[in-house]
Amino acid sequence: MNSTSFLNLDNTVVIKSFGRYTLPSGWHELKDLSKEQKRFYVKKRIATKGFFTNISVESGDNLYSVEEHGDFRQAILRQLSIQLRTFNKQDKNQSVLTGSGFNSKKGKMVFKFVMEIDDSLVTQYYIVGEYRHCLVHVTNFLDPRIPDVDMVAQSIVDSFEWLAVTTKEKQ
């Protein structure tokens, strides 16, 4: 399936090969960085040079069925902990990692991990699928002109629906 977008009440419904989600008004795709399986979004009329607050949406395969969501969560947590430990050793910082889980408005299981790193927040929402996931990744440099970045990411998560069926799901 080709990727398309169309407007819906000032929001944009984004359709990619892996799923569909709503991008709230005031945000747009950063086409220079985006690829089919990973799209970057930024607030309109905000400079995108240097470090800038953004949201990316991507799909990926994993080794876990929906029923094995606990194992998937542990694998993510283990990987993030290793990354933060390495980062803390290199920069002598004390980064903080927190995690939680919830169901989206569409009934999808979601794992949310928040990392406080220096003067920024990195939030990762993993929408759990059958041997796959959708990652909504927020890099927030705490720009006061973008107070809605977390609400925008939550809106993407809450509106997400899977489109394609994986090979493992067909078996």
N, C-alpha and C. Protein backbone atom coordinates (compact mmCIF):
# COMPACT_ATOMS: atom_id res chain seq x y z
N MET A 1 0.83 -1.17 0.00
CA MET A 1 0.00 0.00 0.00
C MET A 1 0.88 1.24 0.00
N ASN A 2 0.57 2.20 -0.83
CA ASN A 2 1.29 3.45 -0.85
C ASN A 2 0.92 4.27 0.36
N SER A 3 1.79 5.20 0.73
CA SER A 3 1.46 6.06 1.85
C SER A 3 0.67 7.26 1.33
N THR A 4 -0.36 7.62 2.08
CA THR A 4 -1.19 8.76 1.72
C THR A 4 -1.57 9.50 2.98
N SER A 5 -2.04 10.72 2.79
CA SER A 5 -2.54 11.53 3.88
C SER A 5 -3.74 12.30 3.37
N PHE A 6 -4.71 12.54 4.23
CA PHE A 6 -5.81 13.42 3.88
C PHE A 6 -6.30 14.15 5.12
N LEU A 7 -6.89 15.32 4.92
CA LEU A 7 -7.32 16.15 6.04
C LEU A 7 -8.65 15.69 6.57
N ASN A 8 -8.82 15.76 7.88
CA ASN A 8 -10.05 15.38 8.55
C ASN A 8 -10.24 16.33 9.72
N LEU A 9 -11.12 17.35 9.56
CA LEU A 9 -11.40 18.32 10.62
C LEU A 9 -10.12 18.95 11.17
N ASP A 10 -9.29 19.48 10.30
CA ASP A 10 -8.03 20.13 10.63
C ASP A 10 -6.94 19.18 11.09
N ASN A 11 -7.24 17.91 11.25
CA ASN A 11 -6.22 16.91 11.54
C ASN A 11 -5.90 16.19 10.23
N THR A 12 -4.77 15.54 10.18
CA THR A 12 -4.39 14.78 9.00
C THR A 12 -4.42 13.30 9.34
N VAL A 13 -5.18 12.54 8.57
CA VAL A 13 -5.17 11.09 8.71
C VAL A 13 -4.04 10.58 7.84
N VAL A 14 -3.08 9.91 8.48
CA VAL A 14 -1.90 9.41 7.79
C VAL A 14 -2.07 7.91 7.60
N ILE A 15 -1.91 7.45 6.37
CA ILE A 15 -2.03 6.02 6.06
C ILE A 15 -0.69 5.56 5.49
N LYS A 16 -0.07 4.62 6.19
CA LYS A 16 1.20 4.04 5.76
C LYS A 16 0.98 2.56 5.51
N SER A 17 1.96 1.89 4.98
CA SER A 17 1.81 0.46 4.67
C SER A 17 1.51 -0.37 5.91
N PHE A 18 1.96 0.07 7.08
CA PHE A 18 1.79 -0.69 8.31
C PHE A 18 0.59 -0.27 9.14
N GLY A 19 0.11 0.97 8.98
CA GLY A 19 -0.99 1.41 9.83
C GLY A 19 -1.50 2.79 9.49
N ARG A 20 -2.51 3.18 10.25
CA ARG A 20 -3.18 4.47 10.05
C ARG A 20 -3.22 5.19 11.41
N TYR A 21 -3.01 6.52 11.37
CA TYR A 21 -3.07 7.32 12.59
C TYR A 21 -3.40 8.76 12.23
N THR A 22 -3.77 9.52 13.24
CA THR A 22 -4.15 10.91 13.03
C THR A 22 -3.05 11.82 13.55
N LEU A 23 -2.63 12.75 12.70
CA LEU A 23 -1.66 13.78 13.08
C LEU A 23 -2.44 15.07 13.34
N PRO A 24 -2.43 15.57 14.57
CA PRO A 24 -3.19 16.78 14.89
C PRO A 24 -2.74 17.99 14.07
N SER A 25 -3.66 18.93 13.90
CA SER A 25 -3.36 20.15 13.15
C SER A 25 -2.22 20.90 13.82
N GLY A 26 -1.49 21.65 13.03
CA GLY A 26 -0.35 22.40 13.53
C GLY A 26 0.96 21.63 13.43
N TRP A 27 0.88 20.37 13.00
CA TRP A 27 2.06 19.53 12.84
C TRP A 27 2.13 19.03 11.40
N HIS A 28 3.34 18.80 10.91
CA HIS A 28 3.49 18.29 9.55
C HIS A 28 4.70 17.36 9.45
N GLU A 29 4.74 16.62 8.36
CA GLU A 29 5.84 15.68 8.13
C GLU A 29 7.09 16.42 7.69
N LEU A 30 8.21 16.00 8.22
CA LEU A 30 9.51 16.52 7.81
C LEU A 30 10.03 15.58 6.72
N LYS A 31 9.73 15.91 5.49
CA LYS A 31 9.97 15.00 4.37
C LYS A 31 11.45 14.70 4.14
N ASP A 32 12.34 15.63 4.49
CA ASP A 32 13.78 15.41 4.28
C ASP A 32 14.31 14.22 5.09
N LEU A 33 13.73 13.96 6.25
CA LEU A 33 14.21 12.87 7.11
C LEU A 33 13.36 11.61 7.01
N SER A 34 12.14 11.73 6.52
CA SER A 34 11.20 10.61 6.52
C SER A 34 11.49 9.58 5.44
N LYS A 35 11.17 8.34 5.79
CA LYS A 35 11.21 7.22 4.85
C LYS A 35 9.89 6.47 5.01
N GLU A 36 9.60 5.49 4.16
CA GLU A 36 8.31 4.79 4.21
C GLU A 36 8.02 4.20 5.58
N GLN A 37 8.99 3.54 6.18
CA GLN A 37 8.74 2.87 7.46
C GLN A 37 9.04 3.73 8.68
N LYS A 38 9.53 4.96 8.49
CA LYS A 38 9.78 5.86 9.61
C LYS A 38 9.52 7.30 9.17
N ARG A 39 8.51 7.91 9.79
CA ARG A 39 8.13 9.27 9.45
C ARG A 39 8.43 10.21 10.61
N PHE A 40 8.94 11.39 10.29
CA PHE A 40 9.24 12.41 11.29
C PHE A 40 8.24 13.55 11.17
N TYR A 41 7.80 14.04 12.32
CA TYR A 41 6.83 15.14 12.36
C TYR A 41 7.33 16.23 13.29
N VAL A 42 7.06 17.48 12.88
CA VAL A 42 7.46 18.64 13.66
C VAL A 42 6.31 19.65 13.67
N LYS A 43 6.37 20.53 14.65
CA LYS A 43 5.37 21.60 14.73
C LYS A 43 5.64 22.57 13.59
N LYS A 44 4.58 22.99 12.94
CA LYS A 44 4.71 23.94 11.83
C LYS A 44 5.32 25.25 12.32
N ARG A 45 6.10 25.86 11.46
CA ARG A 45 6.71 27.16 11.68
C ARG A 45 7.73 27.18 12.83
N ILE A 46 8.32 26.04 13.13
CA ILE A 46 9.40 25.96 14.11
C ILE A 46 10.65 25.50 13.37
N ALA A 47 11.76 26.19 13.57
CA ALA A 47 13.01 25.88 12.87
C ALA A 47 13.45 24.45 13.15
N THR A 48 14.00 23.80 12.14
CA THR A 48 14.46 22.42 12.28
C THR A 48 15.96 22.31 12.02
N LYS A 49 16.71 23.26 12.51
CA LYS A 49 18.16 23.21 12.42
C LYS A 49 18.71 22.90 13.81
N GLY A 50 19.81 22.17 13.87
CA GLY A 50 20.37 21.80 15.17
C GLY A 50 19.47 20.78 15.86
N PHE A 51 19.34 20.92 17.16
CA PHE A 51 18.47 20.03 17.93
C PHE A 51 17.07 20.61 17.95
N PHE A 52 16.07 19.80 17.60
CA PHE A 52 14.70 20.30 17.59
C PHE A 52 13.75 19.20 18.05
N THR A 53 12.71 19.61 18.73
CA THR A 53 11.69 18.69 19.22
C THR A 53 10.97 18.06 18.04
N ASN A 54 10.80 16.73 18.08
CA ASN A 54 10.14 16.04 16.97
C ASN A 54 9.48 14.76 17.46
N ILE A 55 8.64 14.21 16.61
CA ILE A 55 7.98 12.93 16.84
C ILE A 55 8.25 12.06 15.62
N SER A 56 8.64 10.82 15.85
CA SER A 56 8.76 9.89 14.73
C SER A 56 7.81 8.72 14.96
N VAL A 57 7.36 8.15 13.86
CA VAL A 57 6.46 6.99 13.89
C VAL A 57 7.05 5.95 12.96
N GLU A 58 7.27 4.74 13.50
CA GLU A 58 7.84 3.68 12.68
C GLU A 58 7.29 2.33 13.10
N SER A 59 7.37 1.40 12.19
CA SER A 59 6.94 0.03 12.51
C SER A 59 8.17 -0.87 12.53
N GLY A 60 8.03 -1.97 13.25
CA GLY A 60 9.11 -2.94 13.30
C GLY A 60 8.58 -4.31 13.63
N ASP A 61 9.35 -5.31 13.28
CA ASP A 61 9.02 -6.69 13.62
C ASP A 61 9.72 -7.03 14.93
N ASN A 62 9.15 -7.98 15.66
CA ASN A 62 9.80 -8.47 16.86
C ASN A 62 9.51 -9.96 17.02
N LEU A 63 10.05 -10.57 18.04
CA LEU A 63 9.96 -12.01 18.23
C LEU A 63 8.76 -12.44 19.08
N TYR A 64 7.85 -11.50 19.42
CA TYR A 64 6.85 -11.78 20.44
C TYR A 64 5.42 -11.67 19.91
N SER A 65 4.61 -12.65 20.32
CA SER A 65 3.18 -12.56 20.04
C SER A 65 2.56 -11.58 21.04
N VAL A 66 1.33 -11.18 20.80
CA VAL A 66 0.65 -10.28 21.73
C VAL A 66 0.59 -10.91 23.12
N GLU A 67 0.37 -12.23 23.18
CA GLU A 67 0.29 -12.92 24.46
C GLU A 67 1.61 -12.88 25.24
N GLU A 68 2.71 -12.69 24.52
CA GLU A 68 4.02 -12.63 25.15
C GLU A 68 4.45 -11.18 25.42
N HIS A 69 3.48 -10.31 25.62
CA HIS A 69 3.77 -8.88 25.79
C HIS A 69 4.70 -8.60 26.97
N GLY A 70 4.63 -9.40 28.02
CA GLY A 70 5.52 -9.21 29.16
C GLY A 70 6.98 -9.43 28.79
N ASP A 71 7.23 -10.44 27.98
CA ASP A 71 8.59 -10.69 27.50
C ASP A 71 9.07 -9.57 26.59
N PHE A 72 8.16 -9.06 25.75
CA PHE A 72 8.51 -7.95 24.87
C PHE A 72 8.86 -6.71 25.69
N ARG A 73 8.05 -6.42 26.71
CA ARG A 73 8.31 -5.27 27.58
C ARG A 73 9.67 -5.40 28.26
N GLN A 74 9.98 -6.61 28.76
CA GLN A 74 11.27 -6.83 29.42
C GLN A 74 12.43 -6.65 28.45
N ALA A 75 12.27 -7.09 27.21
CA ALA A 75 13.33 -6.93 26.20
C ALA A 75 13.58 -5.44 25.92
N ILE A 76 12.51 -4.66 25.81
CA ILE A 76 12.66 -3.21 25.59
C ILE A 76 13.35 -2.57 26.79
N LEU A 77 12.87 -2.91 27.97
CA LEU A 77 13.42 -2.33 29.21
C LEU A 77 14.91 -2.67 29.36
N ARG A 78 15.27 -3.89 29.04
CA ARG A 78 16.68 -4.31 29.12
C ARG A 78 17.53 -3.49 28.15
N GLN A 79 17.06 -3.32 26.91
CA GLN A 79 17.80 -2.56 25.90
C GLN A 79 17.95 -1.09 26.31
N LEU A 80 16.86 -0.48 26.78
CA LEU A 80 16.93 0.92 27.19
C LEU A 80 17.85 1.10 28.39
N SER A 81 17.82 0.16 29.33
CA SER A 81 18.68 0.25 30.51
C SER A 81 20.15 0.18 30.12
N ILE A 82 20.47 -0.69 29.18
CA ILE A 82 21.86 -0.79 28.69
C ILE A 82 22.29 0.52 28.04
N GLN A 83 21.42 1.08 27.20
CA GLN A 83 21.74 2.34 26.53
C GLN A 83 21.96 3.47 27.54
N LEU A 84 21.10 3.55 28.56
CA LEU A 84 21.24 4.61 29.55
C LEU A 84 22.49 4.42 30.40
N ARG A 85 22.80 3.18 30.75
CA ARG A 85 24.02 2.91 31.53
C ARG A 85 25.24 3.38 30.75
N THR A 86 25.28 3.06 29.46
CA THR A 86 26.40 3.49 28.60
C THR A 86 26.45 5.01 28.52
N PHE A 87 25.31 5.63 28.32
CA PHE A 87 25.25 7.09 28.24
C PHE A 87 25.73 7.72 29.55
N ASN A 88 25.27 7.20 30.67
CA ASN A 88 25.66 7.75 31.98
C ASN A 88 27.15 7.64 32.22
N LYS A 89 27.78 6.53 31.79
CA LYS A 89 29.22 6.36 31.96
C LYS A 89 29.99 7.36 31.10
N GLN A 90 29.54 7.56 29.86
CA GLN A 90 30.23 8.46 28.94
C GLN A 90 30.13 9.91 29.38
N ASP A 91 28.95 10.33 29.77
CA ASP A 91 28.73 11.74 30.07
C ASP A 91 28.64 12.05 31.55
N LYS A 92 28.81 11.04 32.39
CA LYS A 92 28.75 11.20 33.83
C LYS A 92 27.45 11.88 34.29
N ASN A 93 26.40 11.59 33.58
CA ASN A 93 25.07 12.09 33.93
C ASN A 93 24.29 11.01 34.65
N GLN A 94 23.23 11.39 35.29
CA GLN A 94 22.34 10.43 35.91
C GLN A 94 20.97 10.53 35.22
N SER A 95 20.82 9.78 34.17
CA SER A 95 19.56 9.75 33.44
C SER A 95 18.58 8.88 34.20
N VAL A 96 17.29 9.17 34.03
CA VAL A 96 16.24 8.45 34.73
C VAL A 96 15.33 7.80 33.70
N LEU A 97 14.97 6.53 33.95
CA LEU A 97 14.07 5.79 33.07
C LEU A 97 12.84 5.38 33.87
N THR A 98 11.66 5.70 33.35
CA THR A 98 10.41 5.25 33.95
C THR A 98 9.58 4.56 32.88
N GLY A 99 8.71 3.67 33.31
CA GLY A 99 7.88 2.94 32.35
C GLY A 99 6.48 2.73 32.90
N SER A 100 5.54 2.59 31.97
CA SER A 100 4.15 2.30 32.33
C SER A 100 3.49 1.61 31.14
N GLY A 101 2.27 1.16 31.34
CA GLY A 101 1.51 0.54 30.28
C GLY A 101 0.06 0.95 30.35
N PHE A 102 -0.61 0.93 29.20
CA PHE A 102 -2.02 1.29 29.14
C PHE A 102 -2.60 0.78 27.83
N ASN A 103 -3.90 0.89 27.69
CA ASN A 103 -4.56 0.58 26.42
C ASN A 103 -4.93 1.88 25.74
N SER A 104 -4.67 1.95 24.43
CA SER A 104 -5.02 3.13 23.66
C SER A 104 -6.54 3.23 23.52
N LYS A 105 -7.00 4.35 23.01
CA LYS A 105 -8.44 4.51 22.78
C LYS A 105 -8.98 3.51 21.77
N LYS A 106 -8.10 2.96 20.92
CA LYS A 106 -8.49 1.93 19.96
C LYS A 106 -8.34 0.53 20.55
N GLY A 107 -7.99 0.46 21.84
CA GLY A 107 -7.88 -0.84 22.51
C GLY A 107 -6.55 -1.55 22.32
N LYS A 108 -5.56 -0.87 21.81
CA LYS A 108 -4.25 -1.48 21.60
C LYS A 108 -3.41 -1.38 22.88
N MET A 109 -2.67 -2.44 23.18
CA MET A 109 -1.77 -2.43 24.33
C MET A 109 -0.57 -1.54 23.99
N VAL A 110 -0.20 -0.67 24.94
CA VAL A 110 0.89 0.29 24.72
C VAL A 110 1.83 0.27 25.93
N PHE A 111 3.13 0.23 25.65
CA PHE A 111 4.15 0.41 26.67
C PHE A 111 4.74 1.79 26.48
N LYS A 112 4.86 2.54 27.57
CA LYS A 112 5.41 3.89 27.51
C LYS A 112 6.65 3.95 28.38
N PHE A 113 7.76 4.39 27.79
CA PHE A 113 9.02 4.56 28.51
C PHE A 113 9.46 6.01 28.36
N VAL A 114 9.83 6.63 29.48
CA VAL A 114 10.29 8.02 29.47
C VAL A 114 11.70 8.06 30.04
N MET A 115 12.60 8.69 29.29
CA MET A 115 13.98 8.86 29.73
C MET A 115 14.28 10.34 29.86
N GLU A 116 14.73 10.72 31.05
CA GLU A 116 15.18 12.09 31.29
C GLU A 116 16.68 12.10 31.06
N ILE A 117 17.11 12.83 30.04
CA ILE A 117 18.52 12.87 29.66
C ILE A 117 18.92 14.34 29.55
N ASP A 118 19.80 14.77 30.43
CA ASP A 118 20.24 16.16 30.47
C ASP A 118 19.02 17.09 30.48
N ASP A 119 18.95 17.98 29.51
CA ASP A 119 17.84 18.93 29.43
C ASP A 119 16.81 18.52 28.39
N SER A 120 16.56 17.22 28.30
CA SER A 120 15.58 16.74 27.33
C SER A 120 14.84 15.53 27.89
N LEU A 121 13.72 15.24 27.25
CA LEU A 121 12.94 14.04 27.57
C LEU A 121 12.79 13.23 26.29
N VAL A 122 13.00 11.94 26.41
CA VAL A 122 12.76 11.02 25.30
C VAL A 122 11.65 10.09 25.75
N THR A 123 10.55 10.08 25.01
CA THR A 123 9.42 9.22 25.34
C THR A 123 9.20 8.25 24.18
N GLN A 124 9.08 6.98 24.53
CA GLN A 124 8.84 5.96 23.52
C GLN A 124 7.55 5.23 23.86
N TYR A 125 6.62 5.23 22.90
CA TYR A 125 5.38 4.49 23.02
C TYR A 125 5.47 3.30 22.08
N TYR A 126 5.41 2.09 22.63
CA TYR A 126 5.41 0.88 21.81
C TYR A 126 3.98 0.35 21.76
N ILE A 127 3.38 0.40 20.57
CA ILE A 127 2.06 -0.16 20.37
C ILE A 127 2.28 -1.62 19.99
N VAL A 128 1.75 -2.53 20.80
CA VAL A 128 2.03 -3.96 20.66
C VAL A 128 1.15 -4.58 19.59
N GLY A 129 1.77 -5.31 18.68
CA GLY A 129 1.07 -6.07 17.66
C GLY A 129 1.55 -7.51 17.68
N GLU A 130 1.00 -8.31 16.82
CA GLU A 130 1.37 -9.72 16.72
C GLU A 130 2.70 -9.83 15.99
N TYR A 131 3.77 -10.09 16.74
CA TYR A 131 5.13 -10.18 16.21
C TYR A 131 5.58 -8.88 15.53
N ARG A 132 5.03 -7.78 15.97
CA ARG A 132 5.41 -6.47 15.43
C ARG A 132 5.02 -5.40 16.44
N HIS A 133 5.49 -4.19 16.18
CA HIS A 133 5.15 -3.06 17.03
C HIS A 133 5.20 -1.78 16.20
N CYS A 134 4.53 -0.78 16.70
CA CYS A 134 4.66 0.56 16.15
C CYS A 134 5.28 1.40 17.25
N LEU A 135 6.35 2.09 16.93
CA LEU A 135 7.04 2.94 17.89
C LEU A 135 6.75 4.40 17.57
N VAL A 136 6.15 5.09 18.53
CA VAL A 136 5.97 6.54 18.45
C VAL A 136 7.02 7.11 19.39
N HIS A 137 8.00 7.80 18.82
CA HIS A 137 9.18 8.25 19.55
C HIS A 137 9.18 9.78 19.62
N VAL A 138 9.22 10.30 20.83
CA VAL A 138 9.22 11.75 21.03
C VAL A 138 10.60 12.17 21.54
N THR A 139 11.23 13.08 20.83
CA THR A 139 12.45 13.71 21.31
C THR A 139 12.07 15.14 21.65
N ASN A 140 12.07 15.44 22.94
CA ASN A 140 11.56 16.72 23.44
C ASN A 140 12.70 17.50 24.08
N PHE A 141 13.11 18.58 23.42
CA PHE A 141 14.17 19.44 23.94
C PHE A 141 13.59 20.57 24.81
N LEU A 142 12.37 20.37 25.27
CA LEU A 142 11.69 21.27 26.20
C LEU A 142 11.59 22.70 25.66
N ASP A 143 11.33 22.80 24.38
CA ASP A 143 11.14 24.10 23.72
C ASP A 143 9.81 24.67 24.18
N PRO A 144 9.82 25.84 24.81
CA PRO A 144 8.56 26.41 25.32
C PRO A 144 7.55 26.74 24.22
N ARG A 145 7.99 26.78 22.96
CA ARG A 145 7.06 27.03 21.84
C ARG A 145 6.29 25.77 21.45
N ILE A 146 6.65 24.64 22.06
CA ILE A 146 6.03 23.37 21.69
C ILE A 146 5.52 22.65 22.95
N PRO A 147 4.59 23.27 23.66
CA PRO A 147 4.11 22.64 24.90
C PRO A 147 3.21 21.43 24.65
N ASP A 148 2.74 21.25 23.42
CA ASP A 148 1.76 20.20 23.13
C ASP A 148 2.37 18.92 22.59
N VAL A 149 3.69 18.76 22.59
CA VAL A 149 4.30 17.60 21.94
C VAL A 149 3.82 16.28 22.54
N ASP A 150 3.66 16.22 23.85
CA ASP A 150 3.21 14.96 24.46
C ASP A 150 1.75 14.67 24.13
N MET A 151 0.92 15.71 24.06
CA MET A 151 -0.48 15.51 23.67
C MET A 151 -0.59 15.05 22.23
N VAL A 152 0.26 15.58 21.37
CA VAL A 152 0.26 15.18 19.95
C VAL A 152 0.66 13.71 19.84
N ALA A 153 1.71 13.31 20.55
CA ALA A 153 2.14 11.91 20.52
C ALA A 153 1.04 11.00 21.05
N GLN A 154 0.41 11.39 22.14
CA GLN A 154 -0.67 10.59 22.71
C GLN A 154 -1.82 10.46 21.72
N SER A 155 -2.10 11.52 20.98
CA SER A 155 -3.16 11.48 19.96
C SER A 155 -2.82 10.49 18.85
N ILE A 156 -1.55 10.48 18.43
CA ILE A 156 -1.11 9.52 17.41
C ILE A 156 -1.30 8.10 17.94
N VAL A 157 -0.86 7.86 19.16
CA VAL A 157 -0.98 6.53 19.77
C VAL A 157 -2.45 6.11 19.87
N ASP A 158 -3.28 7.01 20.37
CA ASP A 158 -4.70 6.69 20.57
C ASP A 158 -5.45 6.43 19.28
N SER A 159 -4.99 7.02 18.18
CA SER A 159 -5.69 6.86 16.91
C SER A 159 -5.12 5.73 16.05
N PHE A 160 -4.01 5.13 16.46
CA PHE A 160 -3.31 4.15 15.62
C PHE A 160 -4.14 2.88 15.41
N GLU A 161 -4.14 2.42 14.15
CA GLU A 161 -4.76 1.14 13.77
C GLU A 161 -3.81 0.42 12.83
N TRP A 162 -3.63 -0.89 13.06
CA TRP A 162 -2.82 -1.70 12.15
C TRP A 162 -3.56 -1.86 10.83
N LEU A 163 -2.83 -1.90 9.72
CA LEU A 163 -3.42 -2.15 8.41
C LEU A 163 -2.99 -3.50 7.85
N ALA A 164 -1.71 -3.67 7.65
CA ALA A 164 -1.21 -4.90 7.02
C ALA A 164 -1.17 -6.03 8.04
N VAL A 165 -1.33 -7.24 7.55
CA VAL A 165 -1.22 -8.43 8.38
C VAL A 165 0.17 -9.03 8.16
N THR A 166 0.84 -9.39 9.25
CA THR A 166 2.18 -9.96 9.11
C THR A 166 2.10 -11.42 8.68
N THR A 167 3.20 -11.94 8.15
CA THR A 167 3.27 -13.33 7.72
C THR A 167 2.98 -14.27 8.90
N LYS A 168 3.52 -13.95 10.09
CA LYS A 168 3.32 -14.79 11.26
C LYS A 168 1.85 -14.80 11.69
N GLU A 169 1.13 -13.70 11.49
CA GLU A 169 -0.29 -13.64 11.85
C GLU A 169 -1.12 -14.55 10.96
N LYS A 170 -0.70 -14.74 9.71
CA LYS A 170 -1.46 -15.56 8.76
C LYS A 170 -1.33 -17.04 9.08
N GLN A 171 -0.26 -17.43 9.78
CA GLN A 171 -0.01 -18.85 10.05
C GLN A 171 -0.98 -19.42 11.05
